[in-house]
PDB file of N, CA and C in Angstrom:
ATOM      1  N   MET A   1      10.081   5.941  -0.218  1.00  0.00           N
ATOM      2  CA  MET A   1       9.276   4.791  -0.593  1.00  0.00           C
ATOM      3  C   MET A   1       8.897   4.949  -2.059  1.00  0.00           C
ATOM      4  N   ARG A   2       8.972   3.844  -2.805  1.00  0.00           N
ATOM      5  CA  ARG A   2       8.582   3.808  -4.206  1.00  0.00           C
ATOM      6  C   ARG A   2       7.680   2.601  -4.427  1.00  0.00           C
ATOM      7  N   ALA A   3       6.605   2.800  -5.198  1.00  0.00           N
ATOM      8  CA  ALA A   3       5.693   1.703  -5.518  1.00  0.00           C
ATOM      9  C   ALA A   3       5.177   1.905  -6.932  1.00  0.00           C
ATOM     10  N   SER A   4       4.651   0.826  -7.504  1.00  0.00           N
ATOM     11  CA  SER A   4       4.064   0.853  -8.838  1.00  0.00           C
ATOM     12  C   SER A   4       2.666   0.260  -8.763  1.00  0.00           C
ATOM     13  N   VAL A   5       1.842   0.569  -9.772  1.00  0.00           N
ATOM     14  CA  VAL A   5       0.506  -0.020  -9.845  1.00  0.00           C
ATOM     15  C   VAL A   5       0.646  -1.538  -9.828  1.00  0.00           C
ATOM     16  N   GLY A   6      -0.142  -2.193  -8.984  1.00  0.00           N
ATOM     17  CA  GLY A   6      -0.104  -3.643  -8.854  1.00  0.00           C
ATOM     18  C   GLY A   6       0.706  -4.126  -7.668  1.00  0.00           C
ATOM     19  N   ASP A   7       1.562  -3.267  -7.115  1.00  0.00           N
ATOM     20  CA  ASP A   7       2.315  -3.641  -5.917  1.00  0.00           C
ATOM     21  C   ASP A   7       1.350  -3.736  -4.739  1.00  0.00           C
ATOM     22  N   THR A   8       1.787  -4.418  -3.695  1.00  0.00           N
ATOM     23  CA  THR A   8       0.995  -4.552  -2.480  1.00  0.00           C
ATOM     24  C   THR A   8       1.687  -3.803  -1.349  1.00  0.00           C
ATOM     25  N   LEU A   9       0.896  -3.056  -0.586  1.00  0.00           N
ATOM     26  CA  LEU A   9       1.412  -2.404   0.613  1.00  0.00           C
ATOM     27  C   LEU A   9       0.988  -3.234   1.807  1.00  0.00           C
ATOM     28  N   LEU A  10       1.946  -3.603   2.635  1.00  0.00           N
ATOM     29  CA  LEU A  10       1.686  -4.328   3.875  1.00  0.00           C
ATOM     30  C   LEU A  10       1.819  -3.329   5.014  1.00  0.00           C
ATOM     31  N   VAL A  11       0.693  -3.048   5.664  1.00  0.00           N
ATOM     32  CA  VAL A  11       0.667  -2.079   6.754  1.00  0.00           C
ATOM     33  C   VAL A  11       0.630  -2.864   8.061  1.00  0.00           C
ATOM     34  N   HIS A  12       1.714  -2.761   8.823  1.00  0.00           N
ATOM     35  CA  HIS A  12       1.805  -3.488  10.094  1.00  0.00           C
ATOM     36  C   HIS A  12       0.916  -2.826  11.139  1.00  0.00           C
ATOM     37  N   GLY A  13       0.240  -3.658  11.936  1.00  0.00           N
ATOM     38  CA  GLY A  13      -0.581  -3.146  13.031  1.00  0.00           C
ATOM     39  C   GLY A  13       0.288  -2.431  14.043  1.00  0.00           C
ATOM     40  N   ARG A  14      -0.120  -1.234  14.449  1.00  0.00           N
ATOM     41  CA  ARG A  14       0.688  -0.437  15.370  1.00  0.00           C
ATOM     42  C   ARG A  14       0.238  -0.593  16.805  1.00  0.00           C
ATOM     43  N   ILE A  15      -0.858  -1.316  17.014  1.00  0.00           N
ATOM     44  CA  ILE A  15      -1.398  -1.521  18.350  1.00  0.00           C
ATOM     45  C   ILE A  15      -1.435  -3.025  18.602  1.00  0.00           C
ATOM     46  N   VAL A  16      -1.062  -3.443  19.807  1.00  0.00           N
ATOM     47  CA  VAL A  16      -1.089  -4.857  20.154  1.00  0.00           C
ATOM     48  C   VAL A  16      -2.480  -5.411  19.886  1.00  0.00           C
ATOM     49  N   GLY A  17      -2.540  -6.514  19.157  1.00  0.00           N
ATOM     50  CA  GLY A  17      -3.811  -7.148  18.852  1.00  0.00           C
ATOM     51  C   GLY A  17      -4.407  -6.727  17.519  1.00  0.00           C
ATOM     52  N   ARG A  18      -3.899  -5.652  16.925  1.00  0.00           N
ATOM     53  CA  ARG A  18      -4.396  -5.203  15.626  1.00  0.00           C
ATOM     54  C   ARG A  18      -3.606  -5.921  14.538  1.00  0.00           C
ATOM     55  N   GLN A  19      -4.312  -6.531  13.620  1.00  0.00           N
ATOM     56  CA  GLN A  19      -3.666  -7.317  12.575  1.00  0.00           C
ATOM     57  C   GLN A  19      -3.098  -6.426  11.482  1.00  0.00           C
ATOM     58  N   ASP A  20      -2.130  -6.992  10.743  1.00  0.00           N
ATOM     59  CA  ASP A  20      -1.589  -6.321   9.578  1.00  0.00           C
ATOM     60  C   ASP A  20      -2.677  -6.237   8.512  1.00  0.00           C
ATOM     61  N   ARG A  21      -2.597  -5.214   7.669  1.00  0.00           N
ATOM     62  CA  ARG A  21      -3.537  -5.056   6.560  1.00  0.00           C
ATOM     63  C   ARG A  21      -2.746  -4.987   5.261  1.00  0.00           C
ATOM     64  N   THR A  22      -3.349  -5.428   4.179  1.00  0.00           N
ATOM     65  CA  THR A  22      -2.721  -5.304   2.873  1.00  0.00           C
ATOM     66  C   THR A  22      -3.623  -4.512   1.953  1.00  0.00           C
ATOM     67  N   ALA A  23      -2.994  -3.803   1.029  1.00  0.00           N
ATOM     68  CA  ALA A  23      -3.726  -2.999   0.058  1.00  0.00           C
ATOM     69  C   ALA A  23      -2.970  -3.039  -1.262  1.00  0.00           C
ATOM     70  N   GLU A  24      -3.704  -3.118  -2.356  1.00  0.00           N
ATOM     71  CA  GLU A  24      -3.098  -3.103  -3.685  1.00  0.00           C
ATOM     72  C   GLU A  24      -3.037  -1.668  -4.190  1.00  0.00           C
ATOM     73  N   VAL A  25      -1.893  -1.282  -4.748  1.00  0.00           N
ATOM     74  CA  VAL A  25      -1.748   0.050  -5.329  1.00  0.00           C
ATOM     75  C   VAL A  25      -2.492   0.057  -6.666  1.00  0.00           C
ATOM     76  N   VAL A  26      -3.501   0.922  -6.794  1.00  0.00           N
ATOM     77  CA  VAL A  26      -4.262   1.014  -8.041  1.00  0.00           C
ATOM     78  C   VAL A  26      -3.919   2.280  -8.822  1.00  0.00           C
ATOM     79  N   GLU A  27      -3.273   3.262  -8.161  1.00  0.00           N
ATOM     80  CA  GLU A  27      -2.852   4.479  -8.851  1.00  0.00           C
ATOM     81  C   GLU A  27      -1.731   5.135  -8.051  1.00  0.00           C
ATOM     82  N   VAL A  28      -0.682   5.569  -8.745  1.00  0.00           N
ATOM     83  CA  VAL A  28       0.420   6.294  -8.125  1.00  0.00           C
ATOM     84  C   VAL A  28       0.230   7.767  -8.460  1.00  0.00           C
ATOM     85  N   LEU A  29       0.098   8.609  -7.450  1.00  0.00           N
ATOM     86  CA  LEU A  29      -0.187  10.022  -7.667  1.00  0.00           C
ATOM     87  C   LEU A  29       1.034  10.919  -7.508  1.00  0.00           C
ATOM     88  N   GLY A  30       2.119  10.402  -6.944  1.00  0.00           N
ATOM     89  CA  GLY A  30       3.338  11.181  -6.772  1.00  0.00           C
ATOM     90  C   GLY A  30       4.297  10.959  -7.927  1.00  0.00           C
ATOM     91  N   PRO A  31       5.313  11.811  -8.038  1.00  0.00           N
ATOM     92  CA  PRO A  31       6.295  11.659  -9.110  1.00  0.00           C
ATOM     93  C   PRO A  31       7.218  10.463  -8.883  1.00  0.00           C
ATOM     94  N   ASP A  32       7.546   9.764  -9.954  1.00  0.00           N
ATOM     95  CA  ASP A  32       8.523   8.657  -9.927  1.00  0.00           C
ATOM     96  C   ASP A  32       8.206   7.564  -8.913  1.00  0.00           C
ATOM     97  N   GLY A  33       6.930   7.247  -8.726  1.00  0.00           N
ATOM     98  CA  GLY A  33       6.543   6.156  -7.836  1.00  0.00           C
ATOM     99  C   GLY A  33       6.444   6.508  -6.376  1.00  0.00           C
ATOM    100  N   SER A  34       6.515   7.790  -6.064  1.00  0.00           N
ATOM    101  CA  SER A  34       6.431   8.187  -4.656  1.00  0.00           C
ATOM    102  C   SER A  34       4.970   8.434  -4.255  1.00  0.00           C
ATOM    103  N   PRO A  35       4.691   8.456  -2.944  1.00  0.00           N
ATOM    104  CA  PRO A  35       3.329   8.687  -2.468  1.00  0.00           C
ATOM    105  C   PRO A  35       2.838  10.067  -2.870  1.00  0.00           C
ATOM    106  N   PRO A  36       1.533  10.281  -2.817  1.00  0.00           N
ATOM    107  CA  PRO A  36       0.483   9.395  -2.297  1.00  0.00           C
ATOM    108  C   PRO A  36       0.056   8.348  -3.325  1.00  0.00           C
ATOM    109  N   TYR A  37      -0.619   7.305  -2.807  1.00  0.00           N
ATOM    110  CA  TYR A  37      -1.122   6.208  -3.630  1.00  0.00           C
ATOM    111  C   TYR A  37      -2.619   6.049  -3.409  1.00  0.00           C
ATOM    112  N   ARG A  38      -3.336   5.711  -4.474  1.00  0.00           N
ATOM    113  CA  ARG A  38      -4.724   5.274  -4.324  1.00  0.00           C
ATOM    114  C   ARG A  38      -4.624   3.759  -4.189  1.00  0.00           C
ATOM    115  N   VAL A  39      -5.198   3.214  -3.120  1.00  0.00           N
ATOM    116  CA  VAL A  39      -5.079   1.783  -2.827  1.00  0.00           C
ATOM    117  C   VAL A  39      -6.449   1.150  -2.646  1.00  0.00           C
ATOM    118  N   ARG A  40      -6.505  -0.163  -2.833  1.00  0.00           N
ATOM    119  CA  ARG A  40      -7.731  -0.939  -2.600  1.00  0.00           C
ATOM    120  C   ARG A  40      -7.404  -2.005  -1.566  1.00  0.00           C
ATOM    121  N   PHE A  41      -8.129  -1.950  -0.440  1.00  0.00           N
ATOM    122  CA  PHE A  41      -7.931  -2.929   0.625  1.00  0.00           C
ATOM    123  C   PHE A  41      -8.654  -4.233   0.287  1.00  0.00           C
ATOM    124  N   GLU A  42      -8.355  -5.271   1.053  1.00  0.00           N
ATOM    125  CA  GLU A  42      -8.918  -6.612   0.818  1.00  0.00           C
ATOM    126  C   GLU A  42     -10.438  -6.628   0.832  1.00  0.00           C
ATOM    127  N   ASP A  43     -11.053  -5.721   1.607  1.00  0.00           N
ATOM    128  CA  ASP A  43     -12.520  -5.689   1.699  1.00  0.00           C
ATOM    129  C   ASP A  43     -13.171  -4.865   0.586  1.00  0.00           C
ATOM    130  N   GLY A  44     -12.351  -4.343  -0.346  1.00  0.00           N
ATOM    131  CA  GLY A  44     -12.866  -3.598  -1.478  1.00  0.00           C
ATOM    132  C   GLY A  44     -12.872  -2.090  -1.290  1.00  0.00           C
ATOM    133  N   ARG A  45     -12.650  -1.625  -0.066  1.00  0.00           N
ATOM    134  CA  ARG A  45     -12.606  -0.176   0.167  1.00  0.00           C
ATOM    135  C   ARG A  45     -11.383   0.418  -0.528  1.00  0.00           C
ATOM    136  N   GLU A  46     -11.521   1.645  -1.017  1.00  0.00           N
ATOM    137  CA  GLU A  46     -10.399   2.354  -1.610  1.00  0.00           C
ATOM    138  C   GLU A  46     -10.088   3.578  -0.764  1.00  0.00           C
ATOM    139  N   ALA A  47      -8.807   3.970  -0.776  1.00  0.00           N
ATOM    140  CA  ALA A  47      -8.389   5.127   0.009  1.00  0.00           C
ATOM    141  C   ALA A  47      -7.175   5.765  -0.638  1.00  0.00           C
ATOM    142  N   LEU A  48      -6.931   7.014  -0.278  1.00  0.00           N
ATOM    143  CA  LEU A  48      -5.726   7.714  -0.663  1.00  0.00           C
ATOM    144  C   LEU A  48      -4.762   7.559   0.503  1.00  0.00           C
ATOM    145  N   MET A  49      -3.525   7.167   0.223  1.00  0.00           N
ATOM    146  CA  MET A  49      -2.625   6.789   1.308  1.00  0.00           C
ATOM    147  C   MET A  49      -1.226   7.336   1.075  1.00  0.00           C
ATOM    148  N   SER A  50      -0.649   7.914   2.124  1.00  0.00           N
ATOM    149  CA  SER A  50       0.763   8.290   2.156  1.00  0.00           C
ATOM    150  C   SER A  50       1.384   7.462   3.272  1.00  0.00           C
ATOM    151  N   PRO A  51       1.910   6.279   2.933  1.00  0.00           N
ATOM    152  CA  PRO A  51       2.357   5.326   3.945  1.00  0.00           C
ATOM    153  C   PRO A  51       3.475   5.856   4.837  1.00  0.00           C
ATOM    154  N   GLY A  52       3.462   5.382   6.078  1.00  0.00           N
ATOM    155  CA  GLY A  52       4.482   5.735   7.051  1.00  0.00           C
ATOM    156  C   GLY A  52       5.525   4.625   7.182  1.00  0.00           C
ATOM    157  N   PRO A  53       6.353   4.716   8.207  1.00  0.00           N
ATOM    158  CA  PRO A  53       7.439   3.740   8.398  1.00  0.00           C
ATOM    159  C   PRO A  53       6.950   2.342   8.781  1.00  0.00           C
ATOM    160  N   ASP A  54       5.656   2.206   9.092  1.00  0.00           N
ATOM    161  CA  ASP A  54       5.100   0.904   9.452  1.00  0.00           C
ATOM    162  C   ASP A  54       4.593   0.147   8.221  1.00  0.00           C
ATOM    163  N   THR A  55       4.909   0.641   7.019  1.00  0.00           N
ATOM    164  CA  THR A  55       4.420   0.045   5.774  1.00  0.00           C
ATOM    165  C   THR A  55       5.578  -0.467   4.932  1.00  0.00           C
ATOM    166  N   VAL A  56       5.371  -1.634   4.314  1.00  0.00           N
ATOM    167  CA  VAL A  56       6.371  -2.264   3.455  1.00  0.00           C
ATOM    168  C   VAL A  56       5.748  -2.455   2.069  1.00  0.00           C
ATOM    169  N   VAL A  57       6.547  -2.162   1.023  1.00  0.00           N
ATOM    170  CA  VAL A  57       6.074  -2.389  -0.352  1.00  0.00           C
ATOM    171  C   VAL A  57       6.496  -3.782  -0.783  1.00  0.00           C
ATOM    172  N   ARG A  58       5.539  -4.553  -1.266  1.00  0.00           N
ATOM    173  CA  ARG A  58       5.818  -5.866  -1.846  1.00  0.00           C
ATOM    174  C   ARG A  58       5.588  -5.754  -3.350  1.00  0.00           C
ATOM    175  N   PRO A  59       6.663  -5.861  -4.143  1.00  0.00           N
ATOM    176  CA  PRO A  59       6.511  -5.724  -5.595  1.00  0.00           C
ATOM    177  C   PRO A  59       5.553  -6.750  -6.165  1.00  0.00           C
ATOM    178  N   ARG A  60       4.860  -6.330  -7.237  1.00  0.00           N
ATOM    179  CA  ARG A  60       3.935  -7.224  -7.942  1.00  0.00           C
ATOM    180  C   ARG A  60       4.723  -8.407  -8.480  1.00  0.00           C
ATOM    181  N   GLU A  61       4.126  -9.577  -8.338  1.00  0.00           N
ATOM    182  CA  GLU A  61       4.752 -10.797  -8.863  1.00  0.00           C
ATOM    183  C   GLU A  61       4.259 -11.008 -10.285  1.00  0.00           C
ATOM    184  N   ASP A  62       5.142 -10.807 -11.243  1.00  0.00           N
ATOM    185  CA  ASP A  62       4.776 -11.036 -12.641  1.00  0.00           C
ATOM    186  C   ASP A  62       4.767 -12.523 -12.930  1.00  0.00           C
ATOM    187  N   SER A  63       3.679 -12.981 -13.542  1.00  0.00           N
ATOM    188  CA  SER A  63       3.555 -14.416 -13.834  1.00  0.00           C
ATOM    189  C   SER A  63       3.886 -14.673 -15.277  1.00  0.00           C
TER     190      SER A  63
END
């Protein structure tokens, strides 16, 4: 997995009824865009994350 600052991580719910979550990558801590990432969730919480196979990277949309 590779991500850059500004990309969005889409974390699919792994339990029936649990919604998908999104988080913005605010810092890449691994070499060459690899995990771990410091992310900010929609509610403003920040976390350190090493995403699993249930996560998809959505590249930042440059305007």
